[in-house]
N, C-alpha and C. Protein backbone atom coordinates (compact mmCIF):
# COMPACT_ATOMS: atom_id res chain seq x y z
N MET A 1 21.37 58.90 -38.57
CA MET A 1 20.66 59.91 -38.16
C MET A 1 20.47 59.58 -36.71
N ALA A 2 20.85 60.81 -35.47
CA ALA A 2 20.64 60.57 -34.26
C ALA A 2 19.33 60.24 -33.55
N ARG A 3 19.40 59.20 -32.71
CA ARG A 3 17.82 58.97 -32.17
C ARG A 3 17.51 59.94 -31.21
N GLU A 4 16.21 60.26 -31.31
CA GLU A 4 15.50 61.67 -30.41
C GLU A 4 15.67 61.50 -29.05
N THR A 5 16.29 62.42 -28.19
CA THR A 5 16.48 62.14 -26.88
C THR A 5 15.48 63.09 -25.85
N TYR A 6 14.71 62.31 -25.04
CA TYR A 6 13.91 63.19 -23.97
C TYR A 6 14.38 63.18 -22.48
N LEU A 7 13.91 64.26 -21.68
CA LEU A 7 14.31 64.39 -20.32
C LEU A 7 13.01 63.68 -19.88
N LEU A 8 13.05 62.59 -18.79
CA LEU A 8 11.97 62.03 -18.40
C LEU A 8 11.53 62.77 -17.27
N ASP A 9 10.24 63.10 -17.08
CA ASP A 9 9.56 63.70 -15.80
C ASP A 9 9.22 62.72 -14.99
N ALA A 10 9.19 62.93 -13.87
CA ALA A 10 9.03 62.01 -12.13
C ALA A 10 7.44 61.62 -12.93
N ASN A 11 6.73 62.61 -13.47
CA ASN A 11 5.21 62.09 -13.52
C ASN A 11 4.80 60.84 -14.37
N VAL A 12 5.81 60.67 -15.57
CA VAL A 12 5.70 59.53 -16.40
C VAL A 12 5.98 58.58 -15.64
N ILE A 13 6.82 58.41 -15.17
CA ILE A 13 7.58 57.15 -14.19
C ILE A 13 6.53 56.71 -12.99
N VAL A 14 6.21 57.80 -12.12
CA VAL A 14 4.96 57.53 -11.49
C VAL A 14 3.83 56.99 -12.20
N ARG A 15 3.17 57.42 -13.22
CA ARG A 15 1.89 56.99 -13.94
C ARG A 15 2.31 55.26 -14.21
N PHE A 16 3.73 55.39 -14.53
CA PHE A 16 4.17 53.94 -15.42
C PHE A 16 3.89 52.72 -13.86
N LEU A 17 5.04 53.22 -13.05
CA LEU A 17 4.99 52.60 -12.10
C LEU A 17 3.67 52.32 -10.85
N ALA A 18 2.94 53.25 -10.67
CA ALA A 18 1.46 53.09 -9.84
C ALA A 18 0.54 52.60 -11.09
N ALA A 19 0.56 52.93 -12.20
CA ALA A 19 -0.43 52.55 -13.03
C ALA A 19 -2.20 52.83 -12.38
N ASP A 20 -2.20 53.87 -11.79
CA ASP A 20 -3.44 54.30 -11.28
C ASP A 20 -4.33 55.38 -12.25
N HIS A 21 -3.74 55.58 -13.40
CA HIS A 21 -4.36 56.63 -14.20
C HIS A 21 -4.35 55.83 -15.86
N SER A 22 -5.49 55.20 -16.22
CA SER A 22 -5.53 54.54 -17.26
C SER A 22 -4.94 55.18 -18.67
N LYS A 23 -5.36 56.35 -18.97
CA LYS A 23 -4.91 56.85 -19.98
C LYS A 23 -3.48 57.40 -20.11
N HIS A 24 -2.91 58.12 -18.86
CA HIS A 24 -1.33 58.38 -18.54
C HIS A 24 -0.53 57.33 -18.81
N LEU A 25 -1.43 55.78 -17.91
CA LEU A 25 -0.64 54.75 -18.07
C LEU A 25 -0.09 54.46 -19.45
N GLU A 26 -1.00 54.30 -20.22
CA GLU A 26 -1.28 53.98 -21.55
C GLU A 26 0.21 54.66 -22.34
N LYS A 27 0.01 56.22 -22.21
CA LYS A 27 1.07 56.82 -22.76
C LYS A 27 2.23 56.39 -22.59
N ALA A 28 2.34 56.53 -20.94
CA ALA A 28 3.70 56.33 -20.57
C ALA A 28 4.26 55.11 -20.74
N LYS A 29 3.59 53.94 -21.11
CA LYS A 29 3.99 52.71 -21.52
C LYS A 29 4.49 52.63 -22.95
N GLN A 30 3.43 53.59 -23.88
CA GLN A 30 3.90 53.74 -25.26
C GLN A 30 5.49 54.32 -25.59
N LEU A 31 5.58 55.18 -24.71
CA LEU A 31 6.58 56.35 -24.61
C LEU A 31 7.95 55.52 -24.23
N ILE A 32 7.82 54.38 -23.02
CA ILE A 32 8.98 53.57 -22.62
C ILE A 32 9.33 52.15 -23.62
N SER A 33 8.22 52.06 -24.28
CA SER A 33 8.25 51.16 -25.31
C SER A 33 9.25 51.98 -26.23
N ARG A 34 8.68 52.95 -26.91
CA ARG A 34 9.67 53.46 -27.87
C ARG A 34 10.92 53.70 -27.62
N ALA A 35 11.65 53.79 -26.18
CA ALA A 35 12.47 53.55 -25.60
C ALA A 35 13.18 52.04 -25.76
N GLU A 36 12.52 50.97 -25.24
CA GLU A 36 13.15 49.92 -25.25
C GLU A 36 13.51 49.51 -26.84
N MET A 37 12.68 49.90 -27.66
CA MET A 37 12.88 49.44 -29.08
C MET A 37 13.82 50.05 -29.89
N GLY A 38 14.55 51.19 -29.10
CA GLY A 38 15.91 51.77 -29.60
C GLY A 38 15.27 53.07 -30.49
N GLU A 39 14.01 53.39 -30.41
CA GLU A 39 13.33 54.39 -31.38
C GLU A 39 14.07 55.70 -30.47
N ILE A 40 13.96 55.80 -29.41
CA ILE A 40 14.17 57.25 -28.53
C ILE A 40 15.35 56.64 -27.14
N GLU A 41 15.43 57.62 -26.62
CA GLU A 41 16.53 57.65 -25.68
C GLU A 41 15.68 58.20 -24.43
N LEU A 42 15.38 57.85 -23.41
CA LEU A 42 14.53 58.75 -22.20
C LEU A 42 15.84 58.95 -21.15
N ILE A 43 16.29 60.05 -20.68
CA ILE A 43 17.09 60.28 -19.82
C ILE A 43 16.42 60.76 -18.35
N VAL A 44 17.16 60.03 -17.38
CA VAL A 44 16.21 60.16 -15.78
C VAL A 44 17.43 61.08 -15.30
N MET A 45 17.08 62.31 -14.81
CA MET A 45 18.29 63.22 -13.75
C MET A 45 18.12 62.65 -12.33
N PRO A 46 18.76 62.66 -11.52
CA PRO A 46 18.83 61.97 -10.48
C PRO A 46 17.54 62.91 -9.57
N TRP A 47 17.65 64.11 -9.74
CA TRP A 47 16.30 64.64 -8.89
C TRP A 47 15.19 64.37 -9.09
N ILE A 48 14.88 64.20 -10.40
CA ILE A 48 13.67 63.41 -10.65
C ILE A 48 13.58 62.17 -10.20
N LEU A 49 14.22 61.20 -9.92
CA LEU A 49 14.45 60.22 -9.06
C LEU A 49 13.94 60.22 -7.86
N ALA A 50 14.25 61.55 -7.21
CA ALA A 50 14.46 61.79 -5.70
C ALA A 50 12.85 62.05 -5.49
N GLU A 51 12.23 62.78 -6.63
CA GLU A 51 10.85 63.26 -6.77
C GLU A 51 9.70 61.98 -6.94
N VAL A 52 10.10 61.04 -7.54
CA VAL A 52 9.63 59.65 -7.91
C VAL A 52 9.53 58.93 -6.59
N VAL A 53 10.69 58.71 -6.12
CA VAL A 53 10.66 57.84 -4.41
C VAL A 53 9.94 58.68 -3.55
N TYR A 54 9.80 60.33 -3.63
CA TYR A 54 8.82 60.91 -2.66
C TYR A 54 7.35 60.32 -2.83
N VAL A 55 7.04 60.83 -4.11
CA VAL A 55 5.70 60.52 -4.40
C VAL A 55 5.35 59.04 -3.97
N LEU A 56 6.16 58.15 -4.56
CA LEU A 56 5.85 56.69 -4.31
C LEU A 56 5.71 56.38 -2.72
N SER A 57 6.69 56.77 -2.33
CA SER A 57 6.69 56.28 -0.88
C SER A 57 6.16 57.25 0.49
N SER A 58 5.76 58.45 -0.06
CA SER A 58 4.77 59.24 0.77
C SER A 58 3.44 59.42 0.10
N VAL A 59 3.20 59.61 -0.75
CA VAL A 59 1.66 59.96 -1.44
C VAL A 59 0.75 58.72 -1.59
N TYR A 60 1.92 57.41 -2.20
CA TYR A 60 1.07 56.17 -2.64
C TYR A 60 1.41 54.92 -1.42
N SER A 61 2.42 55.29 -0.30
CA SER A 61 2.49 54.76 0.83
C SER A 61 3.32 53.50 0.39
N VAL A 62 4.06 53.17 -1.11
CA VAL A 62 4.69 52.24 -1.10
C VAL A 62 5.98 52.07 -0.27
N PRO A 63 6.09 50.67 0.48
CA PRO A 63 7.25 50.51 1.09
C PRO A 63 8.47 50.84 0.64
N ARG A 64 9.19 51.09 1.31
CA ARG A 64 11.00 51.77 0.51
C ARG A 64 11.18 50.41 -0.38
N LYS A 65 11.58 49.28 0.00
CA LYS A 65 12.30 48.16 -0.46
C LYS A 65 11.35 48.22 -1.73
N VAL A 66 10.24 48.26 -1.67
CA VAL A 66 9.05 48.15 -3.11
C VAL A 66 9.74 49.13 -4.07
N VAL A 67 10.03 50.35 -3.55
CA VAL A 67 10.24 51.53 -4.47
C VAL A 67 11.47 51.30 -4.89
N ALA A 68 12.58 51.06 -4.19
CA ALA A 68 14.32 50.87 -4.40
C ALA A 68 14.10 49.91 -5.68
N GLU A 69 13.31 48.89 -5.31
CA GLU A 69 13.45 47.51 -6.52
C GLU A 69 13.10 47.86 -7.57
N ALA A 70 11.93 48.81 -7.57
CA ALA A 70 10.91 48.95 -8.79
C ALA A 70 12.06 50.13 -9.65
N LEU A 71 12.53 51.03 -8.83
CA LEU A 71 13.41 52.10 -9.59
C LEU A 71 14.67 51.24 -10.19
N GLU A 72 15.43 50.48 -9.63
CA GLU A 72 16.30 49.73 -9.97
C GLU A 72 16.12 49.08 -11.35
N VAL A 73 14.96 48.39 -11.37
CA VAL A 73 14.85 47.87 -12.37
C VAL A 73 14.59 49.02 -13.89
N PHE A 74 13.67 49.67 -13.40
CA PHE A 74 13.27 50.88 -14.26
C PHE A 74 14.47 51.41 -14.82
N VAL A 75 15.48 52.08 -14.05
CA VAL A 75 16.81 52.74 -14.52
C VAL A 75 17.56 51.54 -15.35
N GLY A 76 17.40 50.48 -15.08
CA GLY A 76 17.99 49.47 -16.12
C GLY A 76 17.61 48.98 -17.34
N GLY A 77 16.66 49.60 -17.78
CA GLY A 77 15.59 49.39 -18.61
C GLY A 77 16.42 49.68 -19.91
N VAL A 78 16.32 49.17 -20.95
CA VAL A 78 16.65 49.42 -22.13
C VAL A 78 16.22 50.82 -22.64
N GLY A 79 16.82 51.81 -23.18
CA GLY A 79 16.61 53.27 -23.60
C GLY A 79 16.45 53.99 -22.46
N ILE A 80 16.98 53.68 -21.18
CA ILE A 80 16.61 54.67 -20.10
C ILE A 80 18.13 54.75 -19.89
N THR A 81 18.66 56.08 -19.63
CA THR A 81 19.80 56.20 -19.25
C THR A 81 19.67 57.54 -17.80
N VAL A 82 20.36 57.20 -16.85
CA VAL A 82 20.61 57.83 -15.70
C VAL A 82 21.63 58.01 -15.68
N GLU A 83 22.13 59.47 -15.06
CA GLU A 83 23.28 60.17 -14.97
C GLU A 83 23.89 59.36 -13.48
N ASP A 84 25.16 59.32 -13.30
CA ASP A 84 25.83 58.47 -12.27
C ASP A 84 25.04 57.15 -12.06
N HIS A 85 24.59 56.50 -12.87
CA HIS A 85 23.92 55.33 -12.88
C HIS A 85 24.51 54.22 -11.46
N ASP A 86 25.67 53.86 -11.08
CA ASP A 86 26.11 53.16 -10.27
C ASP A 86 25.96 53.80 -8.76
N VAL A 87 25.97 55.37 -8.66
CA VAL A 87 25.70 55.68 -7.92
C VAL A 87 24.33 55.58 -7.41
N ILE A 88 23.08 56.09 -8.26
CA ILE A 88 21.92 55.88 -8.48
C ILE A 88 21.70 54.26 -7.43
N ILE A 89 22.22 53.52 -8.30
CA ILE A 89 21.67 52.17 -7.81
C ILE A 89 22.28 52.12 -5.99
N ASP A 90 23.49 52.40 -6.12
CA ASP A 90 24.06 52.70 -4.13
C ASP A 90 23.01 53.15 -3.54
N ALA A 91 22.25 54.57 -4.15
CA ALA A 91 21.51 55.21 -3.07
C ALA A 91 20.29 54.36 -3.01
N LEU A 92 19.81 53.88 -3.87
CA LEU A 92 18.37 53.26 -4.02
C LEU A 92 18.86 52.13 -2.76
N HIS A 93 19.69 51.02 -3.09
CA HIS A 93 19.98 50.48 -1.74
C HIS A 93 19.89 50.93 -0.40
N ARG A 94 20.63 51.95 -0.13
CA ARG A 94 20.88 52.78 1.16
C ARG A 94 19.45 53.17 1.39
N PHE A 95 18.62 53.56 0.58
CA PHE A 95 17.18 53.93 0.58
C PHE A 95 16.51 52.77 1.34
N ALA A 96 16.46 51.63 0.63
CA ALA A 96 15.89 50.26 1.26
C ALA A 96 16.16 49.78 2.40
N LYS A 97 17.53 49.92 2.58
CA LYS A 97 17.86 49.05 3.53
C LYS A 97 17.87 50.21 5.23
N THR A 98 17.46 51.66 4.87
CA THR A 98 17.47 52.11 6.03
C THR A 98 16.42 53.05 6.35
N LYS A 99 16.33 53.95 7.01
CA LYS A 99 15.22 54.56 7.45
C LYS A 99 15.21 56.56 6.68
N VAL A 100 16.51 56.41 6.35
CA VAL A 100 16.87 57.93 5.81
C VAL A 100 15.88 58.07 4.63
N ASP A 101 15.81 59.44 4.38
CA ASP A 101 15.31 59.71 2.86
C ASP A 101 15.98 59.63 1.74
N PHE A 102 15.29 59.71 0.73
CA PHE A 102 16.48 59.24 -0.67
C PHE A 102 17.31 60.41 -0.87
N ALA A 103 17.03 61.74 -0.66
CA ALA A 103 18.05 62.79 -0.71
C ALA A 103 19.30 62.38 0.07
N ASP A 104 19.03 62.08 1.42
CA ASP A 104 20.22 61.67 2.27
C ASP A 104 20.76 60.32 1.46
N ALA A 105 20.20 59.58 1.24
CA ALA A 105 20.79 58.14 0.65
C ALA A 105 21.60 58.68 -0.60
N LEU A 106 21.01 59.74 -1.50
CA LEU A 106 21.66 60.07 -2.59
C LEU A 106 23.22 60.67 -2.07
N LEU A 107 22.74 61.68 -0.84
CA LEU A 107 24.30 62.35 -0.83
C LEU A 107 25.44 61.38 -0.39
N ALA A 108 24.82 60.53 0.58
CA ALA A 108 25.72 59.32 0.88
C ALA A 108 26.34 58.44 -0.05
N ALA A 109 25.53 58.45 -1.33
CA ALA A 109 26.18 57.36 -2.44
C ALA A 109 27.30 58.23 -2.83
N TYR A 110 26.89 59.34 -3.30
CA TYR A 110 27.98 60.21 -4.13
C TYR A 110 29.07 60.66 -3.29
N SER A 111 28.60 60.63 -1.71
CA SER A 111 30.08 60.91 -0.73
C SER A 111 31.09 59.68 -0.88
N ALA A 112 30.34 58.40 -0.92
CA ALA A 112 31.30 57.27 -1.39
C ALA A 112 31.88 57.36 -2.33
N ALA A 113 30.99 57.60 -3.14
CA ALA A 113 31.54 57.12 -4.66
C ALA A 113 33.03 58.16 -5.21
N ARG A 114 32.66 59.26 -4.99
CA ARG A 114 33.69 60.69 -5.10
C ARG A 114 34.72 60.33 -3.63
N ASN A 115 34.65 59.58 -2.67
CA ASN A 115 35.34 59.69 -1.58
C ASN A 115 35.67 61.35 -0.97
N LEU A 116 34.54 62.02 -0.99
CA LEU A 116 34.00 63.27 -0.31
C LEU A 116 33.40 62.95 0.82
N GLN A 117 33.74 64.05 1.86
CA GLN A 117 33.05 64.16 2.92
C GLN A 117 31.89 64.96 2.98
N PRO A 118 30.73 64.62 3.19
CA PRO A 118 29.33 65.48 3.48
C PRO A 118 29.59 66.53 4.49
N ALA A 119 29.24 67.55 4.38
CA ALA A 119 29.23 68.72 5.57
C ALA A 119 27.89 68.56 5.79
N SER A 120 27.26 68.20 6.98
CA SER A 120 25.61 68.39 7.38
C SER A 120 25.73 68.37 8.73
N PHE A 121 24.14 68.54 9.28
CA PHE A 121 24.06 68.78 10.76
C PHE A 121 22.88 67.65 10.73
N ASP A 122 22.79 66.74 9.67
CA ASP A 122 21.71 65.63 9.48
C ASP A 122 22.53 64.19 10.04
N ARG A 123 22.15 63.83 11.04
CA ARG A 123 22.75 62.65 11.73
C ARG A 123 22.13 61.34 11.19
N ASP A 124 21.57 61.68 10.35
CA ASP A 124 21.15 60.07 9.48
C ASP A 124 22.14 59.80 8.57
N LEU A 125 23.25 60.59 8.11
CA LEU A 125 24.26 60.01 7.49
C LEU A 125 25.19 59.40 8.53
N ASP A 126 24.99 59.27 9.52
CA ASP A 126 25.87 58.51 10.39
C ASP A 126 25.49 56.94 10.45
N ARG A 127 24.25 56.57 9.96
CA ARG A 127 23.92 55.41 9.73
C ARG A 127 25.06 54.50 8.57
N PHE A 128 25.66 55.47 7.73
CA PHE A 128 26.49 54.84 6.37
C PHE A 128 27.84 54.68 7.18
N GLY A 129 28.25 53.27 7.50
CA GLY A 129 29.61 53.01 8.06
C GLY A 129 30.82 53.56 6.80
N ASP A 130 30.33 53.73 5.77
CA ASP A 130 31.59 53.95 4.85
C ASP A 130 31.99 55.28 4.39
N ILE A 131 31.01 56.25 5.13
CA ILE A 131 30.79 57.87 5.05
C ILE A 131 31.11 58.59 6.66
N LYS A 132 32.05 59.46 6.69
CA LYS A 132 32.17 60.17 7.95
C LYS A 132 31.64 61.75 7.74
N ARG A 133 30.65 62.05 8.23
CA ARG A 133 30.36 63.63 7.75
C ARG A 133 31.06 64.64 8.81
N LEU A 134 31.24 65.59 8.07
CA LEU A 134 31.64 66.75 8.67
C LEU A 134 30.52 67.86 9.63
N VAL A 135 30.48 67.89 10.59
CA VAL A 135 29.46 68.53 11.33
C VAL A 135 30.13 70.06 11.51
N PRO A 136 29.22 70.99 10.57
CA PRO A 136 29.74 72.47 10.39
C PRO A 136 29.83 73.05 11.54
């Protein structure tokens, strides 16, 4: 029998990491615990991680490095599946080491991984020495 699989929303991850709402925290812990025990699989899409990064860093004022480290541990957890895991880890590292927003760090990570040039007006991408942007 195939195990149940769920797409995880940003609010569950935020409640789990921020631990600021006791009822939601407990429910999030229970869900994640089921994944850790192999009962279910939780899939996290890249854009959901972008929302989590935004909420934690902007709304909760969590430092970039702390956000990146917490999410790296989270996406590496048992029962958690992230599309393009290596690209996501690279994007989290880029986000932690620079002042660019996570979406740009993600674009840079995908560009590097796929050996594709990003087309962008955003000069923030120039901070990454392993990619060269095309200015339209």
